[in-house]
Protein backbone atom coordinates (compact mmCIF):
# COMPACT_ATOMS: atom_id res chain seq x y z
CA MET A 1 55.07 82.22 -19.14
CA SER A 2 52.36 80.05 -20.68
CA ASP A 3 51.02 76.89 -19.04
CA LEU A 4 52.59 73.56 -19.92
CA LEU A 5 50.70 70.36 -20.64
CA GLY A 6 51.98 66.78 -20.68
CA ARG A 7 50.58 63.25 -20.85
CA GLY A 8 52.04 59.89 -19.88
CA TYR A 9 50.77 56.34 -19.91
CA SER A 10 52.06 53.02 -18.64
CA GLY A 11 50.44 49.62 -18.44
CA GLY A 12 50.62 47.62 -15.23
CA HIS A 13 52.48 44.40 -14.44
CA ILE A 14 51.70 41.26 -12.48
CA THR A 15 54.50 39.26 -10.89
CA LEU A 16 54.04 35.49 -10.83
CA ILE A 17 57.45 34.44 -9.47
CA PHE A 18 60.14 36.54 -7.81
CA THR A 19 63.10 36.76 -5.46
CA VAL A 20 64.06 39.56 -3.07
CA GLU A 21 67.44 41.10 -3.96
CA ASP A 22 67.77 44.14 -1.70
CA GLU A 23 71.21 43.73 -0.11
CA ALA A 24 73.05 46.21 -2.36
CA ASN A 25 73.65 49.69 -0.92
CA GLU A 26 72.76 51.37 -4.22
CA LEU A 27 69.03 51.39 -4.89
CA THR A 28 69.64 51.02 -8.62
CA LYS A 29 71.20 47.60 -7.93
CA GLN A 30 68.33 46.39 -5.74
CA GLY A 31 65.37 44.55 -7.22
CA SER A 32 64.52 40.95 -8.04
CA LEU A 33 64.73 38.11 -10.45
CA GLY A 34 61.31 37.06 -11.59
CA ALA A 35 58.70 36.31 -14.20
CA GLY A 36 55.35 37.91 -14.92
CA ILE A 37 52.98 39.53 -17.38
CA CYS A 38 52.75 43.17 -18.42
CA LEU A 39 49.24 44.52 -18.94
CA GLU A 40 47.59 46.91 -21.37
CA ASP A 41 45.53 48.37 -18.51
CA GLY A 42 47.43 50.75 -16.29
CA VAL A 43 47.79 54.43 -15.43
CA GLU A 44 47.25 57.58 -17.49
CA VAL A 45 48.56 60.88 -16.11
CA ILE A 46 47.82 64.39 -17.38
CA THR A 47 49.89 67.24 -15.92
CA ARG A 48 49.34 70.95 -16.29
CA GLY A 49 52.14 73.24 -15.15
CA CYS A 50 52.14 76.96 -14.44
CA GLU A 51 54.98 79.15 -13.21
CA GLY A 52 55.52 78.45 -9.52
CA GLU A 53 57.66 76.76 -6.89
CA GLY A 54 57.23 73.03 -7.45
CA ARG A 55 53.91 72.59 -5.65
CA ILE A 56 51.69 69.71 -6.69
CA GLU A 57 47.98 68.90 -6.49
CA VAL A 58 46.90 65.37 -7.36
CA SER A 59 43.40 64.13 -8.18
CA PHE A 60 42.31 60.62 -9.15
CA ILE A 61 39.80 59.24 -11.64
CA GLY A 62 38.62 55.65 -11.37
CA TYR A 63 40.25 53.95 -8.41
CA ASN A 64 41.67 55.76 -5.40
CA GLY A 65 45.41 56.33 -5.41
CA ASP A 66 48.23 57.52 -3.16
CA SER A 67 49.09 61.17 -3.76
CA GLU A 68 52.21 60.85 -1.58
CA MET A 69 53.78 58.59 -4.20
CA TYR A 70 53.46 61.31 -6.85
CA ILE A 71 54.90 63.89 -4.46
CA HIS A 72 57.82 61.53 -3.86
CA ALA A 73 58.39 61.04 -7.59
CA LEU A 74 58.33 64.80 -8.16
CA GLN A 75 60.99 65.29 -5.48
CA ILE A 76 63.29 62.74 -7.10
CA ILE A 77 62.91 63.91 -10.70
CA GLY A 78 63.12 67.52 -9.55
CA LYS A 79 66.65 66.89 -8.26
CA ILE A 80 67.61 65.51 -11.67
CA LEU A 81 65.76 68.13 -13.74
CA PRO A 82 65.50 71.29 -11.58
CA GLU A 83 63.51 73.12 -14.28
CA ILE A 84 60.51 70.95 -13.40
CA LEU A 85 60.38 72.61 -9.97
CA GLU A 86 60.01 76.03 -11.59
CA TYR A 87 56.35 75.12 -12.09
CA ASP A 88 53.37 74.20 -9.94
CA TRP A 89 51.61 71.11 -11.23
CA GLU A 90 48.00 70.03 -11.40
CA VAL A 91 48.09 66.27 -11.82
CA THR A 92 45.14 64.14 -12.93
CA VAL A 93 45.66 60.40 -12.54
CA LYS A 94 43.36 57.85 -14.16
CA LEU A 95 43.88 54.42 -12.60
CA GLY A 96 42.70 51.54 -14.76
CA LEU A 97 43.21 49.03 -11.94
CA PRO A 98 43.24 49.25 -8.13
CA THR A 99 46.37 49.80 -6.06
CA GLY A 100 47.54 47.25 -3.50
CA GLN A 101 46.39 44.25 -5.55
CA GLY A 102 49.63 43.19 -7.25
CA PHE A 103 48.99 44.96 -10.55
CA GLY A 104 52.09 47.17 -10.50
CA MET A 105 50.14 50.41 -10.19
CA SER A 106 52.92 52.10 -8.21
CA ALA A 107 55.48 51.48 -10.94
CA ALA A 108 53.02 52.34 -13.72
CA GLY A 109 51.93 55.53 -11.96
CA SER A 110 55.48 56.76 -11.40
CA ILE A 111 56.46 56.02 -15.01
CA ALA A 112 53.39 57.74 -16.46
CA PHE A 113 53.77 60.74 -14.14
CA CYS A 114 57.45 61.27 -14.94
CA ASP A 115 56.73 60.85 -18.65
CA SER A 116 54.03 63.52 -18.48
CA LEU A 117 56.27 65.99 -16.65
CA GLN A 118 59.12 65.54 -19.10
CA ARG A 119 56.86 65.81 -22.13
CA ALA A 120 55.48 69.04 -20.67
CA VAL A 121 58.95 70.63 -20.42
CA GLY A 122 60.05 69.29 -23.82
CA ILE A 123 62.45 66.43 -23.00
CA PRO A 124 62.96 64.09 -26.01
CA TYR A 125 61.00 60.82 -25.88
CA GLU A 126 63.81 58.26 -25.56
CA GLU A 127 65.65 60.25 -22.90
CA SER A 128 62.47 60.90 -20.94
CA LYS A 129 61.40 57.24 -21.07
CA ARG A 130 64.72 56.03 -19.67
CA ARG A 131 64.67 58.65 -16.92
CA SER A 132 61.07 57.81 -16.04
CA LEU A 133 62.00 54.16 -15.60
CA LEU A 134 64.96 55.09 -13.39
CA VAL A 135 62.90 57.42 -11.20
CA ALA A 136 60.04 54.91 -10.91
CA HIS A 137 62.51 52.22 -9.77
CA LEU A 138 63.91 54.59 -7.13
CA VAL A 139 60.40 55.44 -5.92
CA ASP A 140 59.48 51.77 -5.59
CA ARG A 141 62.65 50.99 -3.66
CA GLU A 142 62.52 54.01 -1.35
CA ARG A 143 58.87 53.30 -0.52
CA SER A 144 59.26 49.47 -0.48
CA SER A 145 56.32 49.36 -2.89
CA GLY A 146 58.00 47.19 -5.51
CA LEU A 147 61.10 45.30 -6.55
CA GLY A 148 61.05 44.40 -10.23
CA ASP A 149 57.88 45.86 -11.78
CA VAL A 150 59.78 48.71 -13.44
CA THR A 151 62.41 46.39 -14.92
CA ALA A 152 59.65 44.19 -16.33
CA LEU A 153 57.80 47.19 -17.79
CA ALA A 154 60.99 48.26 -19.57
CA SER A 155 60.53 45.16 -21.78
CA GLY A 156 56.79 44.62 -21.97
CA GLY A 157 54.88 41.45 -22.80
CA VAL A 158 55.38 38.19 -20.93
CA VAL A 159 58.62 38.89 -19.10
CA VAL A 160 61.44 37.13 -17.34
CA ARG A 161 63.76 39.32 -15.26
CA LYS A 162 67.31 38.04 -15.63
CA SER A 163 69.19 40.39 -13.30
CA PRO A 164 68.01 42.68 -10.48
CA GLY A 165 68.11 46.45 -10.50
CA SER A 166 66.93 49.48 -12.42
CA PRO A 167 66.68 48.99 -16.20
CA TYR A 168 68.57 52.31 -16.65
CA SER A 169 70.96 54.12 -14.35
CA GLY A 170 73.67 56.75 -14.13
CA HIS A 171 74.04 60.28 -15.48
CA LEU A 172 73.97 59.04 -19.07
CA LEU A 173 70.99 56.74 -18.43
CA ASP A 174 72.96 53.70 -19.55
CA ARG A 175 71.26 50.34 -19.71
CA GLY A 176 71.21 48.20 -16.59
CA PRO A 177 71.99 46.77 -14.16
CA GLY A 178 68.43 45.38 -14.28
CA GLU A 179 67.81 43.19 -17.30
CA SER A 180 64.59 41.71 -18.62
CA VAL A 181 63.34 40.15 -21.83
CA GLY A 182 59.78 39.69 -23.04
CA TRP A 183 57.55 38.43 -25.80
CA SER A 184 54.00 39.44 -26.55
CA SER A 185 50.66 37.86 -27.40
CA ASP A 186 47.18 39.04 -28.35
CA SER A 187 45.61 36.90 -25.62
CA ASP A 188 43.05 38.23 -23.17
CA ILE A 189 43.54 37.54 -19.49
CA ILE A 190 41.06 38.03 -16.65
CA LEU A 191 42.04 39.81 -13.44
CA ALA A 192 40.03 39.08 -10.30
CA TRP A 193 40.40 40.41 -6.77
CA ASN A 194 38.67 40.92 -3.44
CA ASP A 195 37.93 44.61 -2.83
CA GLN A 196 37.93 44.04 0.93
CA TYR A 197 41.62 43.12 1.11
CA SER A 198 44.85 44.56 -0.20
CA LYS A 199 48.49 43.92 0.56
CA HIS A 200 51.44 46.31 0.62
CA THR A 201 54.62 44.79 -0.78
CA SER A 202 56.64 45.93 2.25
CA THR A 203 54.66 43.49 4.44
CA TYR A 204 56.65 40.69 2.81
CA ILE A 205 59.92 42.07 1.49
CA GLU A 206 60.80 43.69 4.82
CA ASP A 207 60.03 40.52 6.81
CA SER A 208 63.08 38.25 7.13
CA LYS A 209 61.12 34.98 7.19
CA TRP A 210 59.06 35.87 4.14
CA LYS A 211 62.15 37.12 2.28
CA THR A 212 63.93 33.82 2.90
CA ALA A 213 60.96 31.66 1.88
CA ILE A 214 60.15 33.76 -1.20
CA THR A 215 63.73 33.96 -2.44
CA LYS A 216 64.43 30.27 -1.93
CA SER A 217 61.27 29.26 -3.80
CA GLY A 218 61.81 31.94 -6.43
CA ASN A 219 65.31 30.76 -7.26
CA GLU A 220 64.18 27.14 -7.50
CA ASN A 221 61.23 27.88 -9.77
CA LEU A 222 63.05 30.41 -11.94
CA ARG A 223 66.06 28.22 -12.67
CA SER A 224 64.61 26.50 -15.71
CA LEU A 225 62.87 29.67 -16.95
CA LEU A 226 66.17 31.56 -17.06
CA GLU A 227 67.69 28.94 -19.33
CA GLY A 228 67.28 28.79 -23.10
CA VAL A 229 65.25 31.00 -25.40
CA TRP A 230 62.41 33.04 -23.88
CA ASP A 231 59.45 32.90 -26.27
CA LYS A 232 55.88 31.57 -26.57
CA SER A 233 57.12 28.00 -26.31
CA ARG A 234 57.84 28.67 -22.60
CA TRP A 235 54.25 29.55 -21.66
CA HIS A 236 53.45 26.13 -20.17
CA ASP A 237 56.71 26.26 -18.19
CA LEU A 238 55.77 29.68 -16.82
CA VAL A 239 52.30 28.57 -15.73
CA THR A 240 53.60 25.40 -14.08
CA SER A 241 56.45 27.19 -12.31
CA SER A 242 54.13 29.96 -11.12
CA GLU A 243 51.78 27.48 -9.50
CA ALA A 244 54.71 25.74 -7.83
CA PHE A 245 56.10 29.04 -6.54
CA SER A 246 52.82 30.10 -4.96
CA LEU A 247 52.74 26.82 -3.04
CA ASP A 248 56.43 26.46 -2.16
CA SER A 249 56.77 30.04 -0.94
CA GLY A 250 53.75 29.73 1.35
CA LEU A 251 52.06 32.75 -0.21
CA SER A 252 49.05 30.76 -1.42
CA GLY A 253 48.46 29.55 2.13
CA GLU A 254 47.41 32.93 3.53
CA SER A 255 43.67 32.92 4.11
CA ALA A 256 42.63 36.01 2.11
CA ARG A 257 44.74 35.00 -0.88
CA ALA A 258 43.69 31.34 -0.66
CA ASN A 259 40.03 32.38 -0.55
CA VAL A 260 40.30 34.37 -3.78
CA LEU A 261 42.09 31.49 -5.50
CA ASN A 262 39.45 29.00 -4.31
CA ILE A 263 36.61 31.19 -5.59
CA CYS A 264 38.32 31.45 -8.98
CA GLU A 265 38.89 27.70 -9.19
CA SER A 266 35.29 26.87 -8.27
CA SER A 267 33.93 29.53 -10.65
CA ILE A 268 35.98 28.08 -13.52
CA LEU A 269 34.56 24.64 -12.79
CA ASP A 270 31.00 26.00 -12.55
CA VAL A 271 31.13 27.50 -16.04
CA GLY A 272 32.84 24.44 -17.54
CA MET A 273 36.05 26.20 -18.57
CA ALA A 274 38.59 24.13 -16.62
CA GLU A 275 40.10 22.74 -19.82
CA GLU A 276 40.59 26.24 -21.24
CA ILE A 277 41.87 28.47 -18.42
CA ARG A 278 43.93 28.39 -15.23
CA PRO A 279 44.09 30.81 -12.28
CA LEU A 280 47.49 32.14 -11.13
CA LEU A 281 48.10 34.19 -8.01
CA CYS A 282 49.38 37.74 -8.53
CA MET A 283 52.19 38.71 -6.21
CA LEU A 284 51.64 40.31 -3.79
CA GLY A 285 47.97 41.25 -3.78
CA THR A 286 44.83 39.28 -2.99
CA SER A 287 44.27 38.81 -6.68
CA VAL A 288 44.38 36.25 -9.46
CA ALA A 289 45.20 36.32 -13.16
CA ILE A 290 43.10 33.82 -15.10
CA VAL A 291 45.08 32.87 -18.18
CA PRO A 292 44.64 30.54 -21.17
CA ARG A 293 46.18 27.09 -20.88
CA ASP A 294 47.36 27.44 -24.49
CA ILE A 295 48.78 30.88 -25.28
CA ASN A 296 48.11 30.37 -28.99
CA TYR A 297 44.34 30.41 -28.42
CA ASN A 298 42.42 33.37 -27.06
CA LEU A 299 39.76 32.95 -24.39
CA THR A 300 36.28 32.16 -25.67
CA ASN A 301 33.49 34.18 -24.05
CA PRO A 302 35.55 35.59 -21.15
CA GLU A 303 32.46 37.56 -20.10
CA ILE A 304 30.96 34.30 -18.80
CA ILE A 305 33.67 33.77 -16.19
CA VAL A 306 33.65 37.48 -15.28
CA ARG A 307 29.93 37.30 -14.49
CA LYS A 308 30.41 34.16 -12.41
CA LEU A 309 33.26 35.73 -10.45
CA ASN A 310 31.10 38.79 -9.78
CA GLU A 311 28.29 36.55 -8.56
CA ASN A 312 30.74 34.87 -6.19
CA GLY A 313 31.86 38.14 -4.62
CA LEU A 314 34.97 39.11 -6.58
CA THR A 315 35.61 42.07 -8.83
CA ALA A 316 36.85 40.97 -12.25
CA VAL A 317 37.88 42.67 -15.48
CA ILE A 318 39.10 41.53 -18.87
CA SER A 319 42.57 42.78 -19.72
CA ARG A 320 45.23 41.97 -22.30
CA ILE A 321 48.91 41.20 -22.34
CA GLY A 322 50.93 44.36 -22.92
CA GLN A 323 53.01 44.84 -26.03
CA ILE A 324 56.79 44.80 -26.28
CA LEU A 325 58.22 48.30 -25.80
């Protein structure tokens, strides 16, 4: 039996506003309402399979990752497609952004990994994409590493999540119960974070006080965003509501997160770009997305603010809004 080779890719996602909807017994019905931005930068996975017993060896390029997550994803998809476990897999993961910083690397990694496995064994594209999204949602819920990233990534672009849950479910991979809608833009955005700190999503979504505060604030600040048409005309509403959510929920008050936001705000002032860009907290890392005030105009000389952020102790990269899928 000859070796198999597959490749998968998924961009990341940053959540700006969200609720915690994890009361349902079925994991496919758990998730969140929310709003955020999908990214072009994300995770590329190359898998090579040879006849075996479902063993897996994972190596990382770029940032460090969590091999246990890929083992978990293999276990889930192996129950659905047993032929995948007839092979041993060498898995190479290239992370375009760090984990634990609110960039949706868990969801992106699971999607890309499951895509690569299914491409290797010859599953048609549309079927494999739906199954990858389902498995990634299950991985995030079982590991408490995410709520709505997968549902957002099923749409792409600047996204609002209208109902919680997996974007696909069931034996026939029918749509829902999770629902999202997005629109795209060619705009650059800048991602900045503190390498010394990271946050695991479970720290918040498994804490009753945080869940209550986040969900209350999320519902209040999502109400207007869930009404009417979702298109570029809603950009200002998204930015304003995101800032309000970070304050109302109490998330911006934590010292590590507040410090990153303060550095970004002062750096923007130092380079004279306060009229052009605004910093928004990414949930739930110690990170910030610096976005244009007007979505119709791209950032001018984003390298200037990146250099200033680096000088002030943050890591920063230029990314772009992901396209509609």
